[in-house]
């Protein structure tokens, strides 16, 4: 395989040179080979992690800067009945005071997160998704090896 570097200029603003960059990338593309996964497998990313990511993203978009990185989502169980999934998930916060922020006044924040996440998860997996969200204080969860492994942030070795 050649390691010749091609120096190209392109402009994202005006689009100048983009076609040359695209052509150069496709010219160096790896040859098509045997599939690594069956054709019907879209991703090898575990579905519990994908669901947790959707819920966490909805939390971030709702909470903005109030709770930037001290929240995690653990999908505890997925109960499948036909084309419907009942998903039980726990939202972990670092301090008790953060629990109220996540739940919101009269449960409005967590309800809005649930309503925003359900259709996206349903579309992602072609099912009707029903979320049950619980908020739990787990002091220093970011330093807990067991929890980090449960959350999928640390892989098995």
C-alpha atoms as a PDB file:
ATOM      1  CA  UNK A   1       0.000   0.000   0.000  1.00  0.00           C
ATOM      2  CA  UNK A   2       1.320   3.392  -0.967  1.00  0.00           C
ATOM      3  CA  UNK A   3       1.859   5.962   1.752  1.00  0.00           C
ATOM      4  CA  UNK A   4       2.047   8.937  -0.587  1.00  0.00           C
ATOM      5  CA  UNK A   5       0.390  11.950   1.015  1.00  0.00           C
ATOM      6  CA  UNK A   6      -1.799  14.105  -1.161  1.00  0.00           C
ATOM      7  CA  UNK A   7      -2.008  17.765  -0.200  1.00  0.00           C
ATOM      8  CA  UNK A   8      -5.336  19.265  -1.177  1.00  0.00           C
ATOM      9  CA  UNK A   9      -7.097  22.516  -0.426  1.00  0.00           C
ATOM     10  CA  UNK A  10     -10.826  22.798   0.041  1.00  0.00           C
ATOM     11  CA  UNK A  11     -13.290  25.359   1.300  1.00  0.00           C
ATOM     12  CA  UNK A  12     -16.284  24.320   3.360  1.00  0.00           C
ATOM     13  CA  UNK A  13     -17.752  27.794   2.997  1.00  0.00           C
ATOM     14  CA  UNK A  14     -17.563  28.022  -0.794  1.00  0.00           C
ATOM     15  CA  UNK A  15     -17.205  24.387  -1.763  1.00  0.00           C
ATOM     16  CA  UNK A  16     -14.051  24.957  -3.808  1.00  0.00           C
ATOM     17  CA  UNK A  17     -11.879  21.827  -3.963  1.00  0.00           C
ATOM     18  CA  UNK A  18     -14.406  19.566  -2.203  1.00  0.00           C
ATOM     19  CA  UNK A  19     -14.823  17.352  -5.263  1.00  0.00           C
ATOM     20  CA  UNK A  20     -11.044  16.823  -5.484  1.00  0.00           C
ATOM     21  CA  UNK A  21     -10.929  15.817  -1.811  1.00  0.00           C
ATOM     22  CA  UNK A  22     -13.843  13.392  -2.285  1.00  0.00           C
ATOM     23  CA  UNK A  23     -12.232  11.863  -5.375  1.00  0.00           C
ATOM     24  CA  UNK A  24      -8.920  11.434  -3.529  1.00  0.00           C
ATOM     25  CA  UNK A  25     -10.637   9.723  -0.586  1.00  0.00           C
ATOM     26  CA  UNK A  26     -12.538   7.291  -2.804  1.00  0.00           C
ATOM     27  CA  UNK A  27      -9.395   6.532  -4.795  1.00  0.00           C
ATOM     28  CA  UNK A  28      -7.688   5.414  -1.578  1.00  0.00           C
ATOM     29  CA  UNK A  29     -10.689   3.513  -0.164  1.00  0.00           C
ATOM     30  CA  UNK A  30     -10.165  -0.016   1.033  1.00  0.00           C
ATOM     31  CA  UNK A  31     -11.347  -2.659  -1.412  1.00  0.00           C
ATOM     32  CA  UNK A  32     -14.728  -4.269  -0.803  1.00  0.00           C
ATOM     33  CA  UNK A  33     -14.284  -7.522   1.050  1.00  0.00           C
ATOM     34  CA  UNK A  34     -16.257 -10.054   3.009  1.00  0.00           C
ATOM     35  CA  UNK A  35     -18.874  -8.516   5.328  1.00  0.00           C
ATOM     36  CA  UNK A  36     -17.892  -8.392   8.995  1.00  0.00           C
ATOM     37  CA  UNK A  37     -21.531  -8.546  10.159  1.00  0.00           C
ATOM     38  CA  UNK A  38     -24.711 -10.007   8.673  1.00  0.00           C
ATOM     39  CA  UNK A  39     -26.448  -7.654   6.217  1.00  0.00           C
ATOM     40  CA  UNK A  40     -29.413  -7.041   8.543  1.00  0.00           C
ATOM     41  CA  UNK A  41     -27.166  -5.845  11.414  1.00  0.00           C
ATOM     42  CA  UNK A  42     -26.975  -2.071  11.294  1.00  0.00           C
ATOM     43  CA  UNK A  43     -24.591  -1.627  14.217  1.00  0.00           C
ATOM     44  CA  UNK A  44     -22.636  -3.632  16.754  1.00  0.00           C
ATOM     45  CA  UNK A  45     -23.286  -0.889  19.322  1.00  0.00           C
ATOM     46  CA  UNK A  46     -25.328  -2.466  22.155  1.00  0.00           C
ATOM     47  CA  UNK A  47     -28.934  -1.294  22.157  1.00  0.00           C
ATOM     48  CA  UNK A  48     -28.955  -0.537  25.893  1.00  0.00           C
ATOM     49  CA  UNK A  49     -26.112   1.939  25.359  1.00  0.00           C
ATOM     50  CA  UNK A  50     -27.856   3.453  22.339  1.00  0.00           C
ATOM     51  CA  UNK A  51     -31.065   3.934  24.349  1.00  0.00           C
ATOM     52  CA  UNK A  52     -29.125   5.410  27.281  1.00  0.00           C
ATOM     53  CA  UNK A  53     -27.416   7.842  24.892  1.00  0.00           C
ATOM     54  CA  UNK A  54     -30.773   9.055  23.559  1.00  0.00           C
ATOM     55  CA  UNK A  55     -32.134   9.620  27.069  1.00  0.00           C
ATOM     56  CA  UNK A  56     -28.942  11.383  28.174  1.00  0.00           C
ATOM     57  CA  UNK A  57     -28.986  13.607  25.086  1.00  0.00           C
ATOM     58  CA  UNK A  58     -32.598  14.612  25.840  1.00  0.00           C
ATOM     59  CA  UNK A  59     -31.573  15.398  29.423  1.00  0.00           C
ATOM     60  CA  UNK A  60     -28.722  17.601  28.216  1.00  0.00           C
ATOM     61  CA  UNK A  61     -30.908  19.450  25.726  1.00  0.00           C
ATOM     62  CA  UNK A  62     -33.488  20.061  28.456  1.00  0.00           C
ATOM     63  CA  UNK A  63     -31.122  20.939  31.319  1.00  0.00           C
ATOM     64  CA  UNK A  64     -28.572  22.877  29.252  1.00  0.00           C
ATOM     65  CA  UNK A  65     -25.797  24.021  31.620  1.00  0.00           C
ATOM     66  CA  UNK A  66     -27.556  23.161  34.888  1.00  0.00           C
ATOM     67  CA  UNK A  67     -26.125  19.644  35.082  1.00  0.00           C
ATOM     68  CA  UNK A  68     -23.528  19.256  32.353  1.00  0.00           C
ATOM     69  CA  UNK A  69     -21.545  16.102  33.094  1.00  0.00           C
ATOM     70  CA  UNK A  70     -22.730  14.740  36.405  1.00  0.00           C
ATOM     71  CA  UNK A  71     -25.553  12.650  35.006  1.00  0.00           C
ATOM     72  CA  UNK A  72     -25.500   9.120  33.587  1.00  0.00           C
ATOM     73  CA  UNK A  73     -28.203   6.815  32.302  1.00  0.00           C
ATOM     74  CA  UNK A  74     -28.307   3.077  32.911  1.00  0.00           C
ATOM     75  CA  UNK A  75     -30.863   0.981  31.045  1.00  0.00           C
ATOM     76  CA  UNK A  76     -31.761  -1.665  33.585  1.00  0.00           C
ATOM     77  CA  UNK A  77     -34.214  -3.745  31.583  1.00  0.00           C
ATOM     78  CA  UNK A  78     -35.959  -3.954  28.227  1.00  0.00           C
ATOM     79  CA  UNK A  79     -39.215  -5.892  28.311  1.00  0.00           C
ATOM     80  CA  UNK A  80     -40.191  -6.856  24.769  1.00  0.00           C
ATOM     81  CA  UNK A  81     -43.805  -7.722  23.962  1.00  0.00           C
ATOM     82  CA  UNK A  82     -44.404  -7.931  20.243  1.00  0.00           C
ATOM     83  CA  UNK A  83     -43.712  -4.544  18.715  1.00  0.00           C
ATOM     84  CA  UNK A  84     -43.668  -2.772  22.091  1.00  0.00           C
ATOM     85  CA  UNK A  85     -40.760  -2.279  24.441  1.00  0.00           C
ATOM     86  CA  UNK A  86     -41.059  -1.240  28.081  1.00  0.00           C
ATOM     87  CA  UNK A  87     -37.700   0.235  28.985  1.00  0.00           C
ATOM     88  CA  UNK A  88     -36.729   0.705  32.620  1.00  0.00           C
ATOM     89  CA  UNK A  89     -33.864   3.149  33.043  1.00  0.00           C
ATOM     90  CA  UNK A  90     -32.151   4.821  35.973  1.00  0.00           C
ATOM     91  CA  UNK A  91     -30.736   8.326  35.760  1.00  0.00           C
ATOM     92  CA  UNK A  92     -27.770   8.608  38.100  1.00  0.00           C
ATOM     93  CA  UNK A  93     -26.843  11.943  39.660  1.00  0.00           C
ATOM     94  CA  UNK A  94     -23.875  12.749  41.826  1.00  0.00           C
ATOM     95  CA  UNK A  95     -25.601  14.748  44.595  1.00  0.00           C
ATOM     96  CA  UNK A  96     -29.062  14.778  46.163  1.00  0.00           C
ATOM     97  CA  UNK A  97     -29.604  18.410  45.093  1.00  0.00           C
ATOM     98  CA  UNK A  98     -29.258  17.330  41.434  1.00  0.00           C
ATOM     99  CA  UNK A  99     -32.177  14.933  41.765  1.00  0.00           C
ATOM    100  CA  UNK A 100     -34.654  17.808  41.956  1.00  0.00           C
ATOM    101  CA  UNK A 101     -33.098  19.453  38.909  1.00  0.00           C
ATOM    102  CA  UNK A 102     -33.525  16.289  36.821  1.00  0.00           C
ATOM    103  CA  UNK A 103     -37.078  15.653  38.005  1.00  0.00           C
ATOM    104  CA  UNK A 104     -38.084  19.307  37.676  1.00  0.00           C
ATOM    105  CA  UNK A 105     -40.997  21.206  39.147  1.00  0.00           C
ATOM    106  CA  UNK A 106     -43.917  18.750  39.477  1.00  0.00           C
ATOM    107  CA  UNK A 107     -41.993  16.227  37.352  1.00  0.00           C
ATOM    108  CA  UNK A 108     -42.075  18.422  34.246  1.00  0.00           C
ATOM    109  CA  UNK A 109     -38.433  17.996  33.252  1.00  0.00           C
ATOM    110  CA  UNK A 110     -38.306  14.209  33.475  1.00  0.00           C
ATOM    111  CA  UNK A 111     -41.704  13.959  31.746  1.00  0.00           C
ATOM    112  CA  UNK A 112     -40.453  16.156  28.880  1.00  0.00           C
ATOM    113  CA  UNK A 113     -37.318  14.017  28.567  1.00  0.00           C
ATOM    114  CA  UNK A 114     -39.463  10.882  28.439  1.00  0.00           C
ATOM    115  CA  UNK A 115     -41.772  12.348  25.780  1.00  0.00           C
ATOM    116  CA  UNK A 116     -38.824  13.452  23.641  1.00  0.00           C
ATOM    117  CA  UNK A 117     -36.904  10.164  23.951  1.00  0.00           C
ATOM    118  CA  UNK A 118     -39.722   7.650  23.389  1.00  0.00           C
ATOM    119  CA  UNK A 119     -40.434   8.471  19.727  1.00  0.00           C
ATOM    120  CA  UNK A 120     -36.725   8.618  18.846  1.00  0.00           C
ATOM    121  CA  UNK A 121     -36.043   5.254  20.474  1.00  0.00           C
ATOM    122  CA  UNK A 122     -39.155   3.819  18.818  1.00  0.00           C
ATOM    123  CA  UNK A 123     -38.020   4.999  15.411  1.00  0.00           C
ATOM    124  CA  UNK A 124     -34.466   3.787  16.024  1.00  0.00           C
ATOM    125  CA  UNK A 125     -35.602   0.210  16.703  1.00  0.00           C
ATOM    126  CA  UNK A 126     -38.924   0.202  14.808  1.00  0.00           C
ATOM    127  CA  UNK A 127     -40.989  -0.455  17.947  1.00  0.00           C
ATOM    128  CA  UNK A 128     -43.325   1.434  20.245  1.00  0.00           C
ATOM    129  CA  UNK A 129     -41.168   2.470  23.197  1.00  0.00           C
ATOM    130  CA  UNK A 130     -42.462   3.166  26.694  1.00  0.00           C
ATOM    131  CA  UNK A 131     -39.928   4.577  29.144  1.00  0.00           C
ATOM    132  CA  UNK A 132     -39.974   4.302  32.903  1.00  0.00           C
ATOM    133  CA  UNK A 133     -37.356   6.676  34.260  1.00  0.00           C
ATOM    134  CA  UNK A 134     -36.081   6.726  37.829  1.00  0.00           C
ATOM    135  CA  UNK A 135     -33.614   9.180  39.308  1.00  0.00           C
ATOM    136  CA  UNK A 136     -31.109   7.911  41.856  1.00  0.00           C
ATOM    137  CA  UNK A 137     -28.377   9.676  43.765  1.00  0.00           C
ATOM    138  CA  UNK A 138     -25.151   7.721  43.440  1.00  0.00           C
ATOM    139  CA  UNK A 139     -22.396   9.698  45.114  1.00  0.00           C
ATOM    140  CA  UNK A 140     -19.170   9.751  43.100  1.00  0.00           C
ATOM    141  CA  UNK A 141     -20.593   7.412  40.437  1.00  0.00           C
ATOM    142  CA  UNK A 142     -17.891   8.722  38.099  1.00  0.00           C
ATOM    143  CA  UNK A 143     -15.224   7.087  40.313  1.00  0.00           C
ATOM    144  CA  UNK A 144     -17.051   3.773  40.793  1.00  0.00           C
ATOM    145  CA  UNK A 145     -15.411   1.143  38.548  1.00  0.00           C
ATOM    146  CA  UNK A 146     -18.356  -1.270  38.850  1.00  0.00           C
ATOM    147  CA  UNK A 147     -20.890   1.399  37.830  1.00  0.00           C
ATOM    148  CA  UNK A 148     -18.721   2.668  34.994  1.00  0.00           C
ATOM    149  CA  UNK A 149     -18.542  -0.878  33.648  1.00  0.00           C
ATOM    150  CA  UNK A 150     -22.350  -1.259  34.037  1.00  0.00           C
ATOM    151  CA  UNK A 151     -22.861   1.984  32.142  1.00  0.00           C
ATOM    152  CA  UNK A 152     -20.672   0.758  29.287  1.00  0.00           C
ATOM    153  CA  UNK A 153     -17.976   3.394  29.826  1.00  0.00           C
ATOM    154  CA  UNK A 154     -15.394   0.705  30.658  1.00  0.00           C
ATOM    155  CA  UNK A 155     -15.191  -2.480  28.596  1.00  0.00           C
ATOM    156  CA  UNK A 156     -14.417  -5.996  29.744  1.00  0.00           C
ATOM    157  CA  UNK A 157     -10.789  -6.961  29.547  1.00  0.00           C
END
